Amino acid sequence: MSVTALRAEAPETVDQNEDTGTALQVEADPAVVLRDPEKLAALYKRIDGKIAAHVPDLTTEKGRKATASLAFQIARTKTGIDAAAKKMTEEYRKATAEVNATRNEIVEQLEVKQKQARKPLTDWEDAEKARVERVIAELTRLRSAAIISIDETSSSIAERIATLQAEEFDREVFRDEWDEADRLKQMAIVRLEESLARILKEEADKAELDRLREEQAKRNFADSILDHINQARMGFIGGQPYPFVMIVRELEEKVRSSEVAPEYQDRVEAARIEALDFVKATHEEGQRKREAEAKAEQERREQEAATNAARDAAEKVTREAEQALAEERRKHQAELDRIERDRKAEADRIAQDHAAKETAERRVKAEADKRAADRTHRAEIMRAVKEGLMEAGEIDEATAKQIVMALVAGSIPHTTITF
């Protein structure tokens, strides 16, 4: 190599032993100067000595060749070192690839083992998260357990009360929220019992109103039959006058007291018989009057006067009866109107109470949800910081947890946790 040539032509001013040793090492292993800065410095020194000792003679061909030879020797040394460097680089790349492959395998295996080591804690955290979610869902359900729909009945509310009363909460599941769950349960039962009492009253009022309406319908129908009988008694059917035979047939065959409610049958039957008797009597009286036309005019007039008086009396009785019935109907209608007003006022009050309770319960639920979300958010950040501390250094979980609590409390200067 060129190093040999440089060694053979070394000037006397250079330490021959040192120079020869360096040259031999570089000749045997050009990469030595890449690993040992002192050897590289010795090589530079040797080359500088050769350059300094060389006296170029450019006037002769031999002198020019000597200068070119010196430069060529240096170039060969450069080429040998460069080739050694490239070889070292390739070997480094190969070793680096092997190290990276081993590193990747180690990281993968240790990650599996890390997950395996943490699995009991992960399983516990998952179970705890499921427990908390279940408790939150139960508390949410209990907060709305007293809400009733508009179409619920007393029986459905009573069943809901019985279901709530029989419900028990597992202390292992609810833990610190057990008292809250029991409080919400008792509060829901009280509110449902209040709703049950209110609806029972509403149902009773409705039943009474239905009964009164039914009684009114029965009374109205009976009154219409009595009015029909009174018209027939006066010789009219549907507001039109009819002959005696058709009036009698109407009272005997078409008017049936069995069609009205039992409590009005006797009254209707009595009116029918009385009207029939009256019509027959009136007709017989007319017959007698017609047969006695030959009698004295005074007798006829007296009889006519008696008949007119009887008719007036009957009309008076009818009018008084109608007035009494009208007054009774007016009073009854007034009572129905009062009951309807009371029912509507109570319904409006219930609707207002229900809306106010729903608004309050929604506000309470929103506040509770916000607090729960904040607690969960803070817990997740604190857990992430704790795990980051454990992964960043050899810190056990208890120590990492204490550091996190100190950060949250502001005990560590110039350091905070942002939630």
Protein backbone atom coordinates (compact mmCIF):
# COMPACT_ATOMS: atom_id res chain seq x y z
CA MET A 1 0.00 0.00 0.00
CA SER A 2 0.95 3.62 -0.11
CA VAL A 3 1.54 3.51 3.62
CA THR A 4 4.55 1.21 2.97
CA ALA A 5 5.99 3.65 0.50
CA LEU A 6 5.52 6.48 2.96
CA ARG A 7 7.27 4.41 5.61
CA ALA A 8 10.25 3.68 3.34
CA GLU A 9 10.77 7.33 2.54
CA ALA A 10 10.24 8.77 6.02
CA PRO A 11 12.56 11.71 6.86
CA GLU A 12 15.17 11.31 9.54
CA THR A 13 13.47 13.96 11.67
CA VAL A 14 10.50 11.66 12.36
CA ASP A 15 10.70 9.08 15.17
CA GLN A 16 11.30 5.95 13.11
CA ASN A 17 9.97 3.48 15.72
CA GLU A 18 6.73 5.41 16.24
CA ASP A 19 6.32 6.07 12.55
CA THR A 20 6.95 2.44 11.61
CA GLY A 21 4.50 1.15 14.21
CA THR A 22 1.71 3.44 13.06
CA ALA A 23 2.34 2.64 9.43
CA LEU A 24 2.24 -1.09 10.10
CA GLN A 25 -1.02 -0.80 12.05
CA VAL A 26 -2.67 1.33 9.36
CA GLU A 27 -1.39 -1.03 6.64
CA ALA A 28 -2.76 -4.04 8.51
CA ASP A 29 -6.06 -2.35 9.49
CA PRO A 30 -6.82 1.00 7.85
CA ALA A 31 -9.91 1.32 10.10
CA VAL A 32 -7.64 1.73 13.14
CA VAL A 33 -7.46 5.48 12.56
CA LEU A 34 -11.28 5.57 12.65
CA ARG A 35 -11.32 3.95 16.07
CA ASP A 36 -8.19 5.60 17.62
CA PRO A 37 -7.87 9.37 17.29
CA GLU A 38 -4.20 9.14 18.35
CA LYS A 39 -3.42 6.83 15.44
CA LEU A 40 -5.16 9.25 13.07
CA ALA A 41 -3.11 12.12 14.50
CA ALA A 42 0.12 10.07 14.06
CA LEU A 43 -0.84 9.35 10.44
CA TYR A 44 -1.47 13.05 9.77
CA LYS A 45 1.90 13.82 11.40
CA ARG A 46 3.72 11.25 9.24
CA ILE A 47 2.11 12.56 6.04
CA ASP A 48 2.84 16.17 7.02
CA GLY A 49 6.47 15.12 7.61
CA LYS A 50 6.70 13.52 4.18
CA ILE A 51 5.19 16.61 2.56
CA ALA A 52 7.56 18.87 4.48
CA ALA A 53 10.61 16.73 3.65
CA HIS A 54 9.78 16.53 -0.06
CA VAL A 55 11.54 19.14 -2.17
CA PRO A 56 9.71 19.31 -5.49
CA ASP A 57 11.95 19.47 -8.57
CA LEU A 58 9.63 20.43 -11.36
CA THR A 59 12.43 21.09 -13.82
CA THR A 60 13.06 17.39 -14.49
CA GLU A 61 10.73 14.54 -15.33
CA LYS A 62 12.10 12.53 -12.40
CA GLY A 63 11.37 15.37 -10.01
CA ARG A 64 7.83 15.76 -11.34
CA LYS A 65 7.23 12.00 -11.03
CA ALA A 66 8.49 12.08 -7.44
CA THR A 67 5.91 14.78 -6.57
CA ALA A 68 3.12 12.85 -8.35
CA SER A 69 4.22 9.65 -6.58
CA LEU A 70 3.97 11.32 -3.16
CA ALA A 71 0.45 12.56 -3.94
CA PHE A 72 -0.53 9.15 -5.29
CA GLN A 73 0.75 7.44 -2.10
CA ILE A 74 -1.43 9.78 -0.01
CA ALA A 75 -4.42 9.06 -2.28
CA ARG A 76 -3.96 5.31 -1.87
CA THR A 77 -3.87 5.75 1.90
CA LYS A 78 -7.10 7.80 1.66
CA THR A 79 -8.71 5.09 -0.54
CA GLY A 80 -7.81 2.32 1.90
CA ILE A 81 -9.21 4.23 4.90
CA ASP A 82 -12.35 5.19 2.96
CA ALA A 83 -12.97 1.55 1.97
CA ALA A 84 -12.47 0.48 5.59
CA ALA A 85 -14.94 3.17 6.72
CA LYS A 86 -17.56 1.98 4.21
CA LYS A 87 -17.09 -1.59 5.42
CA MET A 88 -17.48 -0.47 9.03
CA THR A 89 -20.63 1.49 8.09
CA GLU A 90 -22.17 -1.57 6.41
CA GLU A 91 -21.32 -3.73 9.41
CA TYR A 92 -22.83 -1.05 11.69
CA ARG A 93 -26.01 -0.96 9.64
CA LYS A 94 -26.31 -4.74 9.78
CA ALA A 95 -25.69 -4.76 13.52
CA THR A 96 -28.18 -1.91 13.96
CA ALA A 97 -30.86 -3.86 12.05
CA GLU A 98 -30.24 -6.91 14.22
CA VAL A 99 -30.40 -4.76 17.35
CA ASN A 100 -33.67 -3.13 16.17
CA ALA A 101 -35.23 -6.52 15.41
CA THR A 102 -34.23 -7.80 18.84
CA ARG A 103 -35.43 -4.53 20.39
CA ASN A 104 -38.83 -4.82 18.70
CA GLU A 105 -39.23 -8.41 19.89
CA ILE A 106 -38.19 -7.45 23.43
CA VAL A 107 -40.59 -4.47 23.48
CA GLU A 108 -43.45 -6.64 22.18
CA GLN A 109 -42.80 -9.40 24.70
CA LEU A 110 -42.39 -6.99 27.60
CA GLU A 111 -45.60 -5.16 26.61
CA VAL A 112 -47.44 -8.50 26.73
CA LYS A 113 -45.91 -9.22 30.12
CA GLN A 114 -46.72 -5.65 31.26
CA LYS A 115 -50.38 -6.18 30.33
CA GLN A 116 -50.28 -9.61 31.99
CA ALA A 117 -48.85 -8.11 35.17
CA ARG A 118 -51.44 -5.31 35.15
CA LYS A 119 -54.42 -7.52 34.20
CA PRO A 120 -55.74 -7.94 37.79
CA LEU A 121 -55.78 -4.14 38.19
CA THR A 122 -57.27 -3.64 34.71
CA ASP A 123 -59.99 -6.23 35.43
CA TRP A 124 -60.72 -4.52 38.76
CA GLU A 125 -60.88 -1.10 37.08
CA ASP A 126 -63.27 -2.45 34.42
CA ALA A 127 -65.46 -4.03 37.08
CA GLU A 128 -65.38 -0.84 39.14
CA LYS A 129 -66.33 1.22 36.10
CA ALA A 130 -69.26 -1.13 35.39
CA ARG A 131 -70.32 -0.93 39.06
CA VAL A 132 -70.22 2.88 39.04
CA GLU A 133 -72.18 3.01 35.78
CA ARG A 134 -74.77 0.64 37.25
CA VAL A 135 -75.09 2.74 40.42
CA ILE A 136 -75.45 5.95 38.36
CA ALA A 137 -78.14 4.29 36.22
CA GLU A 138 -80.00 3.09 39.32
CA LEU A 139 -79.82 6.51 40.99
CA THR A 140 -81.07 8.12 37.77
CA ARG A 141 -83.96 5.67 37.65
CA LEU A 142 -84.83 6.34 41.30
CA ARG A 143 -84.81 10.10 40.74
CA SER A 144 -87.53 9.69 38.12
CA ALA A 145 -89.36 6.84 39.88
CA ALA A 146 -92.06 9.18 41.22
CA ILE A 147 -92.98 10.63 37.81
CA ILE A 148 -96.41 9.48 36.69
CA SER A 149 -97.98 9.70 33.26
CA ILE A 150 -101.32 11.32 32.67
CA ASP A 151 -103.03 8.02 31.88
CA GLU A 152 -101.88 6.11 34.99
CA THR A 153 -104.48 4.66 37.36
CA SER A 154 -104.52 4.08 41.09
CA SER A 155 -103.88 0.35 40.58
CA SER A 156 -100.77 0.93 38.43
CA ILE A 157 -99.38 3.44 40.96
CA ALA A 158 -100.09 1.02 43.82
CA GLU A 159 -98.15 -1.68 41.94
CA ARG A 160 -95.23 0.72 41.48
CA ILE A 161 -95.24 1.53 45.21
CA ALA A 162 -95.24 -2.19 46.09
CA THR A 163 -92.36 -2.81 43.66
CA LEU A 164 -90.30 0.02 45.18
CA GLN A 165 -91.04 -1.11 48.74
CA ALA A 166 -89.84 -4.62 47.91
CA GLU A 167 -86.68 -3.36 46.19
CA GLU A 168 -83.40 -3.82 48.08
CA PHE A 169 -79.96 -2.40 47.28
CA ASP A 170 -76.76 -4.43 47.51
CA ARG A 171 -74.38 -2.58 49.84
CA GLU A 172 -71.38 -4.19 48.11
CA VAL A 173 -72.51 -2.61 44.85
CA PHE A 174 -73.77 0.80 46.04
CA ARG A 175 -71.19 1.35 48.82
CA ASP A 176 -71.08 5.10 49.60
CA GLU A 177 -74.18 5.70 47.45
CA TRP A 178 -76.33 3.21 49.40
CA ASP A 179 -77.78 5.90 51.68
CA GLU A 180 -78.54 8.11 48.67
CA ALA A 181 -80.26 5.22 46.87
CA ASP A 182 -82.35 4.43 49.95
CA ARG A 183 -83.21 8.13 50.37
CA LEU A 184 -84.32 8.42 46.76
CA LYS A 185 -86.35 5.23 47.11
CA GLN A 186 -88.16 6.48 50.23
CA MET A 187 -88.74 9.90 48.64
CA ALA A 188 -90.17 8.24 45.51
CA ILE A 189 -92.48 6.08 47.65
CA VAL A 190 -93.74 9.16 49.54
CA ARG A 191 -94.38 11.05 46.31
CA LEU A 192 -96.10 8.06 44.71
CA GLU A 193 -98.29 7.65 47.80
CA GLU A 194 -99.24 11.33 47.53
CA SER A 195 -100.04 10.83 43.84
CA LEU A 196 -102.03 7.70 44.70
CA ALA A 197 -104.15 9.58 47.25
CA ARG A 198 -104.76 12.36 44.75
CA ILE A 199 -105.70 9.98 41.93
CA LEU A 200 -107.95 7.95 44.23
CA LYS A 201 -109.82 11.17 45.00
CA GLU A 202 -109.97 12.04 41.30
CA GLU A 203 -111.29 8.58 40.47
CA ALA A 204 -113.88 8.84 43.24
CA ASP A 205 -114.93 12.29 42.01
CA LYS A 206 -115.17 10.99 38.45
CA ALA A 207 -117.23 8.01 39.57
CA GLU A 208 -119.55 10.34 41.46
CA LEU A 209 -119.80 12.64 38.45
CA ASP A 210 -120.58 9.67 36.19
CA ARG A 211 -123.21 8.53 38.66
CA LEU A 212 -124.79 11.99 38.74
CA ARG A 213 -124.75 12.17 34.97
CA GLU A 214 -126.36 8.77 34.75
CA GLU A 215 -128.98 9.83 37.29
CA GLN A 216 -129.56 13.01 35.30
CA ALA A 217 -129.99 11.00 32.09
CA LYS A 218 -132.48 8.69 33.83
CA ARG A 219 -134.33 11.68 35.26
CA ASN A 220 -134.37 13.47 31.89
CA PHE A 221 -135.77 10.39 30.16
CA ALA A 222 -138.42 9.95 32.84
CA ASP A 223 -139.29 13.65 32.54
CA SER A 224 -139.69 13.29 28.79
CA ILE A 225 -142.08 10.34 29.27
CA LEU A 226 -144.04 12.31 31.89
CA ASP A 227 -144.21 15.29 29.53
CA HIS A 228 -145.47 12.99 26.77
CA ILE A 229 -148.12 11.59 29.15
CA ASN A 230 -149.18 15.10 30.17
CA GLN A 231 -149.55 16.09 26.51
CA ALA A 232 -151.61 12.98 25.81
CA ARG A 233 -153.67 13.79 28.87
CA MET A 234 -154.47 17.09 27.19
CA GLY A 235 -155.25 15.36 23.88
CA PHE A 236 -151.93 16.02 22.12
CA ILE A 237 -149.22 13.78 20.67
CA GLY A 238 -146.05 15.50 19.52
CA GLY A 239 -147.69 18.89 19.85
CA GLN A 240 -150.56 17.95 17.54
CA PRO A 241 -154.16 17.24 18.65
CA TYR A 242 -155.42 13.65 18.18
CA PRO A 243 -158.80 11.97 18.56
CA PHE A 244 -159.80 10.11 21.70
CA VAL A 245 -159.18 6.62 20.26
CA MET A 246 -155.57 7.37 19.28
CA ILE A 247 -154.89 9.09 22.61
CA VAL A 248 -156.16 6.02 24.49
CA ARG A 249 -154.11 3.70 22.29
CA GLU A 250 -151.04 5.86 22.91
CA LEU A 251 -151.49 5.68 26.69
CA GLU A 252 -152.42 2.00 26.78
CA GLU A 253 -150.01 0.52 24.24
CA LYS A 254 -147.10 2.85 23.50
CA VAL A 255 -146.30 4.41 26.84
CA ARG A 256 -144.44 1.77 28.92
CA SER A 257 -143.28 2.56 32.44
CA SER A 258 -140.83 -0.39 32.23
CA GLU A 259 -138.66 1.66 29.84
CA VAL A 260 -137.61 4.14 32.54
CA ALA A 261 -135.31 3.47 35.49
CA PRO A 262 -136.88 1.39 38.29
CA GLU A 263 -136.94 4.34 40.69
CA TYR A 264 -139.16 6.31 38.27
CA GLN A 265 -141.43 3.46 37.13
CA ASP A 266 -144.08 3.95 39.84
CA ARG A 267 -144.28 7.68 39.18
CA VAL A 268 -144.57 7.21 35.40
CA GLU A 269 -147.11 4.43 35.79
CA ALA A 270 -149.21 6.52 38.15
CA ALA A 271 -149.12 9.45 35.73
CA ARG A 272 -150.04 7.15 32.81
CA ILE A 273 -153.02 5.63 34.66
CA GLU A 274 -154.12 9.02 35.92
CA ALA A 275 -153.90 10.50 32.40
CA LEU A 276 -155.71 7.51 30.89
CA ASP A 277 -158.42 7.76 33.52
CA PHE A 278 -158.62 11.47 32.92
CA VAL A 279 -158.89 11.07 29.15
CA LYS A 280 -161.52 8.37 29.50
CA ALA A 281 -163.38 10.37 32.08
CA THR A 282 -163.17 13.42 29.89
CA HIS A 283 -164.39 11.44 26.92
CA GLU A 284 -167.22 9.87 28.92
CA GLU A 285 -168.11 13.25 30.24
CA GLY A 286 -168.28 14.54 26.70
CA GLN A 287 -170.46 11.64 25.75
CA ARG A 288 -172.76 12.35 28.62
CA LYS A 289 -172.81 15.97 27.68
CA ARG A 290 -173.68 15.14 24.12
CA GLU A 291 -176.41 12.72 25.23
CA ALA A 292 -177.82 15.35 27.59
CA GLU A 293 -177.95 18.10 25.02
CA ALA A 294 -181.63 18.01 25.32
CA LYS A 295 -181.42 18.89 28.96
CA ALA A 296 -181.70 22.31 30.13
CA GLU A 297 -179.11 24.80 28.96
CA GLN A 298 -178.28 25.67 32.57
CA GLU A 299 -177.43 22.06 33.41
CA ARG A 300 -175.21 21.88 30.35
CA ARG A 301 -173.48 25.10 31.33
CA GLU A 302 -172.94 23.92 34.88
CA GLN A 303 -171.48 20.68 33.57
CA GLU A 304 -169.30 22.57 31.13
CA ALA A 305 -168.17 24.86 33.93
CA ALA A 306 -167.29 21.84 36.06
CA THR A 307 -165.34 20.31 33.20
CA ASN A 308 -163.48 23.57 32.56
CA ALA A 309 -162.68 23.88 36.26
CA ALA A 310 -161.34 20.33 36.31
CA ARG A 311 -159.24 21.04 33.27
CA ASP A 312 -157.86 24.24 34.78
CA ALA A 313 -157.03 22.37 37.95
CA ALA A 314 -155.29 19.67 35.98
CA GLU A 315 -153.33 22.26 34.01
CA LYS A 316 -152.34 23.96 37.23
CA VAL A 317 -151.12 20.68 38.64
CA THR A 318 -149.19 20.06 35.44
CA ARG A 319 -147.63 23.50 35.47
CA GLU A 320 -146.67 23.18 39.11
CA ALA A 321 -145.20 19.76 38.42
CA GLU A 322 -143.27 21.09 35.43
CA GLN A 323 -142.03 24.08 37.45
CA ALA A 324 -140.91 21.75 40.25
CA LEU A 325 -139.12 19.52 37.76
CA ALA A 326 -137.48 22.54 36.09
CA GLU A 327 -136.27 23.84 39.45
CA GLU A 328 -134.91 20.42 40.39
CA ARG A 329 -133.13 20.18 37.04
CA ARG A 330 -131.66 23.67 37.49
CA LYS A 331 -130.30 22.82 40.94
CA HIS A 332 -128.90 19.54 39.72
CA GLN A 333 -127.22 21.20 36.73
CA ALA A 334 -125.76 23.86 39.02
CA GLU A 335 -124.27 21.07 41.20
CA LEU A 336 -122.84 19.37 38.11
CA ASP A 337 -121.30 22.65 36.96
CA ARG A 338 -119.75 23.20 40.39
CA ILE A 339 -118.25 19.69 40.40
CA GLU A 340 -116.87 20.19 36.89
CA ARG A 341 -115.27 23.53 37.88
CA ASP A 342 -113.70 21.94 40.97
CA ARG A 343 -112.40 19.03 38.89
CA LYS A 344 -110.89 21.35 36.28
CA ALA A 345 -109.26 23.54 38.96
CA GLU A 346 -107.76 20.45 40.63
CA ALA A 347 -106.54 19.13 37.26
CA ASP A 348 -104.87 22.50 36.52
CA ARG A 349 -103.23 22.51 39.94
CA ILE A 350 -101.98 18.93 39.46
CA ALA A 351 -100.58 19.80 36.03
CA GLN A 352 -98.76 22.84 37.47
CA ASP A 353 -97.36 20.78 40.38
CA HIS A 354 -96.28 18.06 37.95
CA ALA A 355 -94.52 20.58 35.68
CA ALA A 356 -92.78 22.22 38.66
CA LYS A 357 -91.62 18.84 39.98
CA GLU A 358 -90.33 17.80 36.56
CA THR A 359 -88.38 21.07 36.24
CA ALA A 360 -86.85 20.64 39.71
CA GLU A 361 -85.99 17.00 39.07
CA ARG A 362 -84.38 17.83 35.72
CA ARG A 363 -82.29 20.52 37.41
CA VAL A 364 -81.19 18.12 40.17
CA LYS A 365 -80.37 15.44 37.61
CA ALA A 366 -78.34 17.87 35.46
CA GLU A 367 -76.33 19.01 38.50
CA ALA A 368 -75.71 15.41 39.59
CA ASP A 369 -74.66 14.40 36.07
CA LYS A 370 -72.25 17.36 35.91
CA ARG A 371 -70.71 16.45 39.27
CA ALA A 372 -70.38 12.80 38.29
CA ALA A 373 -68.78 13.72 34.94
CA ASP A 374 -66.34 16.07 36.73
CA ARG A 375 -65.38 13.36 39.25
CA THR A 376 -64.88 10.84 36.44
CA HIS A 377 -62.82 13.35 34.42
CA ARG A 378 -60.59 14.22 37.40
CA ALA A 379 -60.15 10.53 38.26
CA GLU A 380 -59.12 9.69 34.67
CA ILE A 381 -56.55 12.52 34.57
CA MET A 382 -55.14 11.60 37.98
CA ARG A 383 -54.92 7.94 36.95
CA ALA A 384 -53.15 8.93 33.69
CA VAL A 385 -50.63 11.07 35.61
CA LYS A 386 -50.04 8.25 38.10
CA GLU A 387 -49.44 5.71 35.33
CA GLY A 388 -47.17 8.19 33.50
CA LEU A 389 -45.07 8.60 36.65
CA MET A 390 -44.85 4.83 37.09
CA GLU A 391 -43.80 4.33 33.48
CA ALA A 392 -41.33 7.24 33.48
CA GLY A 393 -39.23 5.91 36.36
CA GLU A 394 -38.93 3.17 38.91
CA ILE A 395 -41.82 4.45 41.02
CA ASP A 396 -44.31 2.08 42.64
CA GLU A 397 -48.02 2.75 42.49
CA ALA A 398 -48.35 3.99 46.09
CA THR A 399 -45.55 6.55 45.63
CA ALA A 400 -46.96 7.65 42.27
CA LYS A 401 -50.37 8.06 43.88
CA GLN A 402 -48.90 10.20 46.69
CA ILE A 403 -47.17 12.42 44.11
CA VAL A 404 -50.42 12.85 42.20
CA MET A 405 -52.29 13.78 45.40
CA ALA A 406 -49.55 16.30 46.22
CA LEU A 407 -49.85 17.81 42.74
CA VAL A 408 -53.62 18.10 43.13
CA ALA A 409 -53.22 19.69 46.57
CA GLY A 410 -50.67 22.20 45.16
CA SER A 411 -47.96 21.03 47.56
CA ILE A 412 -45.26 20.84 44.85
CA PRO A 413 -44.10 24.35 43.81
CA HIS A 414 -44.31 25.41 40.16
CA THR A 415 -46.21 22.22 39.24
CA THR A 416 -49.95 21.76 38.70
CA ILE A 417 -52.40 19.35 37.09
CA THR A 418 -54.93 20.86 34.70
CA PHE A 419 -58.34 19.21 34.65
